[in-house]
All heavy atoms as atom14 arrays in JSON, in Angstrom:
{
  "sequence": "GEDALVQLLTEDIVSLKPYIVEALESLGYVEARIRELKHRDPTVRRQ",
  "atom14_mask": [
    [1, 1, 1, 1, 0, 0, 0, 0, 0, 0, 0, 0, 0, 0],
    [1, 1, 1, 1, 1, 1, 1, 1, 1, 0, 0, 0, 0, 0],
    [1, 1, 1, 1, 1, 1, 1, 1, 0, 0, 0, 0, 0, 0],
    [1, 1, 1, 1, 1, 0, 0, 0, 0, 0, 0, 0, 0, 0],
    [1, 1, 1, 1, 1, 1, 1, 1, 0, 0, 0, 0, 0, 0],
    [1, 1, 1, 1, 1, 1, 1, 0, 0, 0, 0, 0, 0, 0],
    [1, 1, 1, 1, 1, 1, 1, 1, 1, 0, 0, 0, 0, 0],
    [1, 1, 1, 1, 1, 1, 1, 1, 0, 0, 0, 0, 0, 0],
    [1, 1, 1, 1, 1, 1, 1, 1, 0, 0, 0, 0, 0, 0],
    [1, 1, 1, 1, 1, 1, 1, 0, 0, 0, 0, 0, 0, 0],
    [1, 1, 1, 1, 1, 1, 1, 1, 1, 0, 0, 0, 0, 0],
    [1, 1, 1, 1, 1, 1, 1, 1, 0, 0, 0, 0, 0, 0],
    [1, 1, 1, 1, 1, 1, 1, 1, 0, 0, 0, 0, 0, 0],
    [1, 1, 1, 1, 1, 1, 1, 0, 0, 0, 0, 0, 0, 0],
    [1, 1, 1, 1, 1, 1, 0, 0, 0, 0, 0, 0, 0, 0],
    [1, 1, 1, 1, 1, 1, 1, 1, 0, 0, 0, 0, 0, 0],
    [1, 1, 1, 1, 1, 1, 1, 1, 1, 0, 0, 0, 0, 0],
    [1, 1, 1, 1, 1, 1, 1, 0, 0, 0, 0, 0, 0, 0],
    [1, 1, 1, 1, 1, 1, 1, 1, 1, 1, 1, 1, 0, 0],
    [1, 1, 1, 1, 1, 1, 1, 1, 0, 0, 0, 0, 0, 0],
    [1, 1, 1, 1, 1, 1, 1, 0, 0, 0, 0, 0, 0, 0],
    [1, 1, 1, 1, 1, 1, 1, 1, 1, 0, 0, 0, 0, 0],
    [1, 1, 1, 1, 1, 0, 0, 0, 0, 0, 0, 0, 0, 0],
    [1, 1, 1, 1, 1, 1, 1, 1, 0, 0, 0, 0, 0, 0],
    [1, 1, 1, 1, 1, 1, 1, 1, 1, 0, 0, 0, 0, 0],
    [1, 1, 1, 1, 1, 1, 0, 0, 0, 0, 0, 0, 0, 0],
    [1, 1, 1, 1, 1, 1, 1, 1, 0, 0, 0, 0, 0, 0],
    [1, 1, 1, 1, 0, 0, 0, 0, 0, 0, 0, 0, 0, 0],
    [1, 1, 1, 1, 1, 1, 1, 1, 1, 1, 1, 1, 0, 0],
    [1, 1, 1, 1, 1, 1, 1, 0, 0, 0, 0, 0, 0, 0],
    [1, 1, 1, 1, 1, 1, 1, 1, 1, 0, 0, 0, 0, 0],
    [1, 1, 1, 1, 1, 0, 0, 0, 0, 0, 0, 0, 0, 0],
    [1, 1, 1, 1, 1, 1, 1, 1, 1, 1, 1, 0, 0, 0],
    [1, 1, 1, 1, 1, 1, 1, 1, 0, 0, 0, 0, 0, 0],
    [1, 1, 1, 1, 1, 1, 1, 1, 1, 1, 1, 0, 0, 0],
    [1, 1, 1, 1, 1, 1, 1, 1, 1, 0, 0, 0, 0, 0],
    [1, 1, 1, 1, 1, 1, 1, 1, 0, 0, 0, 0, 0, 0],
    [1, 1, 1, 1, 1, 1, 1, 1, 1, 0, 0, 0, 0, 0],
    [1, 1, 1, 1, 1, 1, 1, 1, 1, 1, 0, 0, 0, 0],
    [1, 1, 1, 1, 1, 1, 1, 1, 1, 1, 1, 0, 0, 0],
    [1, 1, 1, 1, 1, 1, 1, 1, 0, 0, 0, 0, 0, 0],
    [1, 1, 1, 1, 1, 1, 1, 0, 0, 0, 0, 0, 0, 0],
    [1, 1, 1, 1, 1, 1, 1, 0, 0, 0, 0, 0, 0, 0],
    [1, 1, 1, 1, 1, 1, 1, 0, 0, 0, 0, 0, 0, 0],
    [1, 1, 1, 1, 1, 1, 1, 1, 1, 1, 1, 0, 0, 0],
    [1, 1, 1, 1, 1, 1, 1, 1, 1, 1, 1, 0, 0, 0],
    [1, 1, 1, 1, 1, 1, 1, 1, 1, 0, 0, 0, 0, 0]
  ],
  "atom14_positions": [
    [[104.14, 55.93, 35.56], [104.86, 55.2, 36.58], [105.15, 56.05, 37.8], [105.09, 55.56, 38.94], [0.0, 0.0, 0.0], [0.0, 0.0, 0.0], [0.0, 0.0, 0.0], [0.0, 0.0, 0.0], [0.0, 0.0, 0.0], [0.0, 0.0, 0.0], [0.0, 0.0, 0.0], [0.0, 0.0, 0.0], [0.0, 0.0, 0.0], [0.0, 0.0, 0.0]],
    [[105.43, 57.32, 37.56], [105.71, 58.22, 38.68], [104.51, 58.34, 39.61], [104.65, 58.25, 40.84], [106.09, 59.6, 38.13], [106.42, 60.64, 39.18], [106.75, 61.98, 38.55], [107.85, 62.11, 37.98], [105.9, 62.89, 38.63], [0.0, 0.0, 0.0], [0.0, 0.0, 0.0], [0.0, 0.0, 0.0], [0.0, 0.0, 0.0], [0.0, 0.0, 0.0]],
    [[103.33, 58.52, 39.04], [102.12, 58.65, 39.86], [101.87, 57.38, 40.68], [101.48, 57.44, 41.85], [100.91, 58.94, 38.97], [100.96, 60.32, 38.34], [101.74, 61.17, 38.85], [100.24, 60.56, 37.36], [0.0, 0.0, 0.0], [0.0, 0.0, 0.0], [0.0, 0.0, 0.0], [0.0, 0.0, 0.0], [0.0, 0.0, 0.0], [0.0, 0.0, 0.0]],
    [[102.07, 56.21, 40.05], [101.84, 54.96, 40.76], [102.86, 54.77, 41.87], [102.54, 54.27, 42.96], [101.9, 53.79, 39.78], [0.0, 0.0, 0.0], [0.0, 0.0, 0.0], [0.0, 0.0, 0.0], [0.0, 0.0, 0.0], [0.0, 0.0, 0.0], [0.0, 0.0, 0.0], [0.0, 0.0, 0.0], [0.0, 0.0, 0.0], [0.0, 0.0, 0.0]],
    [[104.11, 55.16, 41.63], [105.15, 55.04, 42.66], [104.86, 55.96, 43.85], [105.06, 55.57, 45.0], [106.52, 55.36, 42.05], [107.13, 54.29, 41.15], [108.3, 54.86, 40.37], [107.57, 53.09, 41.96], [0.0, 0.0, 0.0], [0.0, 0.0, 0.0], [0.0, 0.0, 0.0], [0.0, 0.0, 0.0], [0.0, 0.0, 0.0], [0.0, 0.0, 0.0]],
    [[104.41, 57.17, 43.55], [104.07, 58.1, 44.64], [102.92, 57.54, 45.47], [102.92, 57.63, 46.7], [103.71, 59.49, 44.06], [103.13, 60.39, 45.15], [104.94, 60.14, 43.44], [0.0, 0.0, 0.0], [0.0, 0.0, 0.0], [0.0, 0.0, 0.0], [0.0, 0.0, 0.0], [0.0, 0.0, 0.0], [0.0, 0.0, 0.0], [0.0, 0.0, 0.0]],
    [[101.95, 56.92, 44.8], [100.84, 56.3, 45.52], [101.35, 55.17, 46.42], [100.94, 55.04, 47.58], [99.81, 55.75, 44.54], [98.57, 55.15, 45.23], [97.61, 54.52, 44.23], [97.8, 54.61, 43.02], [96.59, 53.87, 44.73], [0.0, 0.0, 0.0], [0.0, 0.0, 0.0], [0.0, 0.0, 0.0], [0.0, 0.0, 0.0], [0.0, 0.0, 0.0]],
    [[102.28, 54.37, 45.9], [102.87, 53.31, 46.71], [103.63, 53.88, 47.9], [103.59, 53.33, 49.0], [103.83, 52.48, 45.86], [103.28, 51.26, 45.13], [104.37, 50.63, 44.28], [102.72, 50.25, 46.11], [0.0, 0.0, 0.0], [0.0, 0.0, 0.0], [0.0, 0.0, 0.0], [0.0, 0.0, 0.0], [0.0, 0.0, 0.0], [0.0, 0.0, 0.0]],
    [[104.32, 55.0, 47.68], [105.09, 55.61, 48.75], [104.2, 56.04, 49.9], [104.56, 55.9, 51.07], [105.87, 56.81, 48.2], [106.88, 57.47, 49.13], [108.04, 56.51, 49.41], [107.41, 58.77, 48.51], [0.0, 0.0, 0.0], [0.0, 0.0, 0.0], [0.0, 0.0, 0.0], [0.0, 0.0, 0.0], [0.0, 0.0, 0.0], [0.0, 0.0, 0.0]],
    [[103.02, 56.56, 49.6], [102.11, 57.02, 50.65], [101.57, 55.85, 51.48], [101.08, 56.06, 52.59], [100.92, 57.79, 50.05], [100.19, 56.93, 49.16], [101.4, 59.01, 49.28], [0.0, 0.0, 0.0], [0.0, 0.0, 0.0], [0.0, 0.0, 0.0], [0.0, 0.0, 0.0], [0.0, 0.0, 0.0], [0.0, 0.0, 0.0], [0.0, 0.0, 0.0]],
    [[101.64, 54.63, 50.94], [101.15, 53.46, 51.68], [102.17, 52.96, 52.7], [101.88, 52.05, 53.47], [100.78, 52.35, 50.7], [99.61, 52.72, 49.8], [99.29, 51.65, 48.79], [99.74, 50.51, 48.98], [98.59, 51.96, 47.8], [0.0, 0.0, 0.0], [0.0, 0.0, 0.0], [0.0, 0.0, 0.0], [0.0, 0.0, 0.0], [0.0, 0.0, 0.0]],
    [[103.36, 53.54, 52.66], [104.39, 53.28, 53.68], [104.7, 51.78, 53.81], [104.66, 51.2, 54.89], [103.94, 53.84, 55.04], [105.13, 54.03, 55.98], [106.26, 54.14, 55.48], [104.91, 54.06, 57.21], [0.0, 0.0, 0.0], [0.0, 0.0, 0.0], [0.0, 0.0, 0.0], [0.0, 0.0, 0.0], [0.0, 0.0, 0.0], [0.0, 0.0, 0.0]],
    [[105.02, 51.16, 52.68], [105.45, 49.75, 52.67], [106.95, 49.73, 52.96], [107.77, 50.0, 52.07], [105.13, 49.08, 51.32], [103.64, 49.25, 50.99], [105.51, 47.61, 51.34], [103.26, 48.78, 49.61], [0.0, 0.0, 0.0], [0.0, 0.0, 0.0], [0.0, 0.0, 0.0], [0.0, 0.0, 0.0], [0.0, 0.0, 0.0], [0.0, 0.0, 0.0]],
    [[107.31, 49.42, 54.18], [108.69, 49.58, 54.64], [109.67, 48.8, 53.78], [110.74, 49.3, 53.4], [108.82, 49.16, 56.12], [110.26, 49.24, 56.58], [107.92, 50.03, 57.0], [0.0, 0.0, 0.0], [0.0, 0.0, 0.0], [0.0, 0.0, 0.0], [0.0, 0.0, 0.0], [0.0, 0.0, 0.0], [0.0, 0.0, 0.0], [0.0, 0.0, 0.0]],
    [[109.34, 47.56, 53.45], [110.28, 46.71, 52.71], [110.55, 47.23, 51.29], [111.6, 46.94, 50.71], [109.75, 45.28, 52.63], [108.51, 45.24, 51.93], [0.0, 0.0, 0.0], [0.0, 0.0, 0.0], [0.0, 0.0, 0.0], [0.0, 0.0, 0.0], [0.0, 0.0, 0.0], [0.0, 0.0, 0.0], [0.0, 0.0, 0.0], [0.0, 0.0, 0.0]],
    [[109.6, 47.99, 50.74], [109.74, 48.47, 49.37], [110.24, 49.91, 49.28], [110.65, 50.35, 48.2], [108.41, 48.37, 48.62], [107.85, 46.97, 48.36], [106.56, 47.08, 47.57], [108.85, 46.11, 47.62], [0.0, 0.0, 0.0], [0.0, 0.0, 0.0], [0.0, 0.0, 0.0], [0.0, 0.0, 0.0], [0.0, 0.0, 0.0], [0.0, 0.0, 0.0]],
    [[110.21, 50.65, 50.4], [110.5, 52.08, 50.32], [111.85, 52.4, 49.68], [111.92, 53.3, 48.83], [110.41, 52.72, 51.7], [110.61, 54.23, 51.62], [110.38, 54.94, 52.94], [110.59, 56.45, 52.78], [110.39, 57.17, 54.03], [0.0, 0.0, 0.0], [0.0, 0.0, 0.0], [0.0, 0.0, 0.0], [0.0, 0.0, 0.0], [0.0, 0.0, 0.0]],
    [[112.95, 51.71, 50.04], [114.23, 52.06, 49.39], [114.19, 51.92, 47.87], [114.82, 52.71, 47.15], [115.23, 51.07, 50.01], [114.59, 50.63, 51.28], [113.12, 50.64, 51.03], [0.0, 0.0, 0.0], [0.0, 0.0, 0.0], [0.0, 0.0, 0.0], [0.0, 0.0, 0.0], [0.0, 0.0, 0.0], [0.0, 0.0, 0.0], [0.0, 0.0, 0.0]],
    [[113.44, 50.95, 47.39], [113.38, 50.7, 45.95], [112.42, 51.68, 45.27], [112.64, 52.06, 44.12], [112.98, 49.25, 45.71], [113.86, 48.29, 46.47], [113.43, 47.73, 47.67], [115.15, 48.01, 46.02], [114.26, 46.89, 48.4], [115.98, 47.16, 46.74], [115.52, 46.61, 47.93], [116.35, 45.79, 48.65], [0.0, 0.0, 0.0], [0.0, 0.0, 0.0]],
    [[111.38, 52.09, 45.98], [110.49, 53.13, 45.45], [111.26, 54.43, 45.31], [111.17, 55.12, 44.28], [109.28, 53.33, 46.38], [108.43, 52.06, 46.45], [108.41, 54.49, 45.89], [107.3, 52.12, 47.47], [0.0, 0.0, 0.0], [0.0, 0.0, 0.0], [0.0, 0.0, 0.0], [0.0, 0.0, 0.0], [0.0, 0.0, 0.0], [0.0, 0.0, 0.0]],
    [[112.05, 54.76, 46.33], [112.86, 55.99, 46.3], [113.85, 55.93, 45.15], [114.04, 56.91, 44.4], [113.58, 56.19, 47.64], [114.59, 57.33, 47.54], [112.56, 56.47, 48.75], [0.0, 0.0, 0.0], [0.0, 0.0, 0.0], [0.0, 0.0, 0.0], [0.0, 0.0, 0.0], [0.0, 0.0, 0.0], [0.0, 0.0, 0.0], [0.0, 0.0, 0.0]],
    [[114.5, 54.77, 44.99], [115.47, 54.62, 43.9], [114.81, 54.82, 42.54], [115.36, 55.48, 41.65], [116.11, 53.23, 43.98], [117.19, 52.98, 42.94], [117.84, 51.62, 43.09], [117.77, 51.02, 44.18], [118.43, 51.14, 42.09], [0.0, 0.0, 0.0], [0.0, 0.0, 0.0], [0.0, 0.0, 0.0], [0.0, 0.0, 0.0], [0.0, 0.0, 0.0]],
    [[113.6, 54.26, 42.4], [112.88, 54.4, 41.13], [112.46, 55.85, 40.89], [112.59, 56.36, 39.77], [111.65, 53.49, 41.13], [0.0, 0.0, 0.0], [0.0, 0.0, 0.0], [0.0, 0.0, 0.0], [0.0, 0.0, 0.0], [0.0, 0.0, 0.0], [0.0, 0.0, 0.0], [0.0, 0.0, 0.0], [0.0, 0.0, 0.0], [0.0, 0.0, 0.0]],
    [[111.98, 56.53, 41.93], [111.58, 57.93, 41.79], [112.78, 58.81, 41.44], [112.67, 59.75, 40.65], [110.9, 58.42, 43.06], [109.47, 57.92, 43.3], [108.99, 58.29, 44.69], [108.51, 58.48, 42.25], [0.0, 0.0, 0.0], [0.0, 0.0, 0.0], [0.0, 0.0, 0.0], [0.0, 0.0, 0.0], [0.0, 0.0, 0.0], [0.0, 0.0, 0.0]],
    [[113.91, 58.51, 42.04], [115.12, 59.28, 41.72], [115.51, 59.07, 40.26], [115.91, 60.01, 39.57], [116.25, 58.87, 42.65], [116.08, 59.37, 44.09], [117.19, 58.9, 45.02], [117.96, 58.01, 44.61], [117.27, 59.4, 46.16], [0.0, 0.0, 0.0], [0.0, 0.0, 0.0], [0.0, 0.0, 0.0], [0.0, 0.0, 0.0], [0.0, 0.0, 0.0]],
    [[115.36, 57.83, 39.76], [115.73, 57.56, 38.37], [114.79, 58.28, 37.4], [115.18, 58.6, 36.27], [115.69, 56.05, 38.09], [114.36, 55.57, 38.04], [0.0, 0.0, 0.0], [0.0, 0.0, 0.0], [0.0, 0.0, 0.0], [0.0, 0.0, 0.0], [0.0, 0.0, 0.0], [0.0, 0.0, 0.0], [0.0, 0.0, 0.0], [0.0, 0.0, 0.0]],
    [[113.55, 58.55, 37.83], [112.58, 59.26, 36.99], [112.76, 60.77, 37.05], [112.07, 61.5, 36.33], [111.15, 58.91, 37.43], [110.65, 57.5, 37.08], [109.36, 57.2, 37.8], [110.46, 57.36, 35.58], [0.0, 0.0, 0.0], [0.0, 0.0, 0.0], [0.0, 0.0, 0.0], [0.0, 0.0, 0.0], [0.0, 0.0, 0.0], [0.0, 0.0, 0.0]],
    [[113.64, 61.25, 37.93], [113.83, 62.69, 38.07], [112.81, 63.36, 38.96], [112.73, 64.59, 39.01], [0.0, 0.0, 0.0], [0.0, 0.0, 0.0], [0.0, 0.0, 0.0], [0.0, 0.0, 0.0], [0.0, 0.0, 0.0], [0.0, 0.0, 0.0], [0.0, 0.0, 0.0], [0.0, 0.0, 0.0], [0.0, 0.0, 0.0], [0.0, 0.0, 0.0]],
    [[112.02, 62.55, 39.69], [110.97, 63.09, 40.54], [111.56, 63.93, 41.67], [111.03, 65.01, 41.98], [110.14, 61.93, 41.12], [109.04, 62.35, 42.06], [107.81, 62.78, 41.58], [109.22, 62.31, 43.44], [106.79, 63.16, 42.44], [108.21, 62.69, 44.31], [107.0, 63.11, 43.81], [106.0, 63.49, 44.67], [0.0, 0.0, 0.0], [0.0, 0.0, 0.0]],
    [[112.63, 63.45, 42.28], [113.23, 64.17, 43.41], [113.79, 65.51, 42.96], [113.56, 66.55, 43.6], [114.32, 63.31, 44.07], [115.04, 64.1, 45.17], [113.71, 62.04, 44.67], [0.0, 0.0, 0.0], [0.0, 0.0, 0.0], [0.0, 0.0, 0.0], [0.0, 0.0, 0.0], [0.0, 0.0, 0.0], [0.0, 0.0, 0.0], [0.0, 0.0, 0.0]],
    [[114.51, 65.52, 41.84], [115.08, 66.77, 41.34], [113.98, 67.78, 40.99], [114.13, 68.98, 41.24], [115.94, 66.49, 40.1], [117.27, 65.82, 40.41], [118.13, 66.68, 41.33], [118.15, 67.91, 41.15], [118.77, 66.11, 42.24], [0.0, 0.0, 0.0], [0.0, 0.0, 0.0], [0.0, 0.0, 0.0], [0.0, 0.0, 0.0], [0.0, 0.0, 0.0]],
    [[112.87, 67.29, 40.45], [111.76, 68.18, 40.11], [111.18, 68.82, 41.36], [110.84, 70.01, 41.38], [110.69, 67.41, 39.35], [0.0, 0.0, 0.0], [0.0, 0.0, 0.0], [0.0, 0.0, 0.0], [0.0, 0.0, 0.0], [0.0, 0.0, 0.0], [0.0, 0.0, 0.0], [0.0, 0.0, 0.0], [0.0, 0.0, 0.0], [0.0, 0.0, 0.0]],
    [[111.05, 68.05, 42.45], [110.51, 68.6, 43.7], [111.5, 69.6, 44.31], [111.09, 70.61, 44.9], [110.22, 67.47, 44.7], [109.27, 66.4, 44.25], [107.85, 66.89, 44.07], [107.59, 67.58, 42.82], [107.51, 66.99, 41.63], [107.65, 65.69, 41.52], [107.27, 67.7, 40.56], [0.0, 0.0, 0.0], [0.0, 0.0, 0.0], [0.0, 0.0, 0.0]],
    [[112.79, 69.32, 44.19], [113.79, 70.26, 44.72], [113.7, 71.59, 43.98], [113.78, 72.67, 44.59], [115.21, 69.65, 44.6], [115.36, 68.49, 45.59], [116.28, 70.72, 44.88], [116.66, 67.73, 45.46], [0.0, 0.0, 0.0], [0.0, 0.0, 0.0], [0.0, 0.0, 0.0], [0.0, 0.0, 0.0], [0.0, 0.0, 0.0], [0.0, 0.0, 0.0]],
    [[113.51, 71.53, 42.67], [113.36, 72.78, 41.9], [112.13, 73.54, 42.33], [112.12, 74.78, 42.35], [113.31, 72.47, 40.4], [114.62, 72.03, 39.8], [114.58, 72.08, 38.28], [113.61, 71.14, 37.74], [113.88, 69.88, 37.44], [115.1, 69.39, 37.66], [112.96, 69.1, 36.93], [0.0, 0.0, 0.0], [0.0, 0.0, 0.0], [0.0, 0.0, 0.0]],
    [[111.08, 72.82, 42.71], [109.85, 73.48, 43.14], [110.01, 74.21, 44.47], [109.19, 75.06, 44.82], [108.72, 72.46, 43.24], [108.2, 72.0, 41.88], [107.15, 70.92, 41.97], [106.92, 70.4, 43.09], [106.54, 70.6, 40.94], [0.0, 0.0, 0.0], [0.0, 0.0, 0.0], [0.0, 0.0, 0.0], [0.0, 0.0, 0.0], [0.0, 0.0, 0.0]],
    [[111.04, 73.88, 45.24], [111.29, 74.59, 46.5], [111.65, 76.05, 46.27], [111.65, 76.85, 47.22], [112.41, 73.9, 47.29], [112.07, 72.52, 47.86], [113.32, 71.88, 48.46], [110.98, 72.64, 48.92], [0.0, 0.0, 0.0], [0.0, 0.0, 0.0], [0.0, 0.0, 0.0], [0.0, 0.0, 0.0], [0.0, 0.0, 0.0], [0.0, 0.0, 0.0]],
    [[111.93, 76.41, 45.02], [112.24, 77.8, 44.68], [111.06, 78.5, 44.01], [111.19, 79.64, 43.56], [113.46, 77.84, 43.74], [114.73, 77.25, 44.35], [115.87, 77.27, 43.34], [117.12, 76.64, 43.92], [118.24, 76.6, 42.92], [0.0, 0.0, 0.0], [0.0, 0.0, 0.0], [0.0, 0.0, 0.0], [0.0, 0.0, 0.0], [0.0, 0.0, 0.0]],
    [[109.93, 77.81, 43.95], [108.76, 78.38, 43.26], [108.23, 79.59, 44.01], [108.27, 79.65, 45.25], [107.67, 77.31, 43.16], [106.65, 77.59, 42.1], [105.61, 78.47, 42.28], [106.51, 77.09, 40.84], [104.88, 78.51, 41.19], [105.39, 77.68, 40.3], [0.0, 0.0, 0.0], [0.0, 0.0, 0.0], [0.0, 0.0, 0.0], [0.0, 0.0, 0.0]],
    [[107.7, 80.56, 43.28], [107.18, 81.77, 43.91], [105.92, 81.52, 44.73], [105.62, 82.24, 45.66], [106.91, 82.84, 42.85], [105.81, 82.44, 41.87], [105.75, 83.38, 40.69], [105.49, 84.75, 41.12], [105.45, 85.79, 40.29], [105.69, 85.59, 39.0], [105.19, 86.99, 40.74], [0.0, 0.0, 0.0], [0.0, 0.0, 0.0], [0.0, 0.0, 0.0]],
    [[105.17, 80.46, 44.37], [103.92, 80.13, 45.07], [104.23, 79.29, 46.31], [104.75, 78.18, 46.19], [102.99, 79.37, 44.13], [101.61, 79.12, 44.75], [101.46, 79.29, 45.97], [100.7, 78.72, 44.0], [0.0, 0.0, 0.0], [0.0, 0.0, 0.0], [0.0, 0.0, 0.0], [0.0, 0.0, 0.0], [0.0, 0.0, 0.0], [0.0, 0.0, 0.0]],
    [[103.92, 79.78, 47.51], [104.22, 79.0, 48.72], [103.51, 77.66, 48.78], [104.01, 76.71, 49.38], [103.78, 79.92, 49.86], [102.85, 80.91, 49.25], [103.31, 81.08, 47.84], [0.0, 0.0, 0.0], [0.0, 0.0, 0.0], [0.0, 0.0, 0.0], [0.0, 0.0, 0.0], [0.0, 0.0, 0.0], [0.0, 0.0, 0.0], [0.0, 0.0, 0.0]],
    [[102.33, 77.56, 48.13], [101.61, 76.29, 48.11], [102.42, 75.21, 47.4], [102.5, 74.06, 47.85], [100.24, 76.44, 47.43], [99.49, 77.44, 48.11], [99.48, 75.13, 47.44], [0.0, 0.0, 0.0], [0.0, 0.0, 0.0], [0.0, 0.0, 0.0], [0.0, 0.0, 0.0], [0.0, 0.0, 0.0], [0.0, 0.0, 0.0], [0.0, 0.0, 0.0]],
    [[103.05, 75.59, 46.29], [103.89, 74.65, 45.55], [105.09, 74.25, 46.39], [105.47, 73.06, 46.43], [104.35, 75.28, 44.21], [105.33, 74.35, 43.49], [103.14, 75.57, 43.33], [0.0, 0.0, 0.0], [0.0, 0.0, 0.0], [0.0, 0.0, 0.0], [0.0, 0.0, 0.0], [0.0, 0.0, 0.0], [0.0, 0.0, 0.0], [0.0, 0.0, 0.0]],
    [[105.68, 75.21, 47.11], [106.84, 74.89, 47.94], [106.46, 73.96, 49.09], [107.2, 73.06, 49.44], [107.46, 76.18, 48.49], [107.94, 77.16, 47.42], [108.97, 78.14, 47.95], [108.52, 78.89, 49.11], [107.81, 80.0, 49.08], [107.43, 80.5, 47.9], [107.48, 80.64, 50.19], [0.0, 0.0, 0.0], [0.0, 0.0, 0.0], [0.0, 0.0, 0.0]],
    [[105.27, 74.19, 49.68], [104.81, 73.3, 50.76], [104.65, 71.88, 50.26], [105.07, 70.92, 50.92], [103.47, 73.8, 51.31], [103.53, 75.11, 52.06], [102.12, 75.62, 52.33], [102.09, 77.05, 52.59], [101.02, 77.82, 52.42], [99.88, 77.29, 52.0], [101.08, 79.1, 52.68], [0.0, 0.0, 0.0], [0.0, 0.0, 0.0], [0.0, 0.0, 0.0]],
    [[104.0, 71.72, 49.1], [103.79, 70.38, 48.55], [105.12, 69.71, 48.23], [105.29, 68.5, 48.47], [102.92, 70.48, 47.3], [101.49, 70.91, 47.57], [100.71, 71.22, 46.31], [101.27, 71.33, 45.22], [99.39, 71.37, 46.44], [0.0, 0.0, 0.0], [0.0, 0.0, 0.0], [0.0, 0.0, 0.0], [0.0, 0.0, 0.0], [0.0, 0.0, 0.0]]
  ]
}
C-alpha cells in the first residue's frame, strides 16, 4: 500500500493529496523518511 500511495502522490492529484498524506503518515512512511535524514549516505538523505 505504501508503494501505491507514493505512486499516487507523484501524480499530484490535488483533491486526494491530504488523504494520501494522512494514509502515508498512518503507515509510518513519514517517520521513516525523517529517520533517513540522519543516514550517513548523502544519497539516502537526498531521497
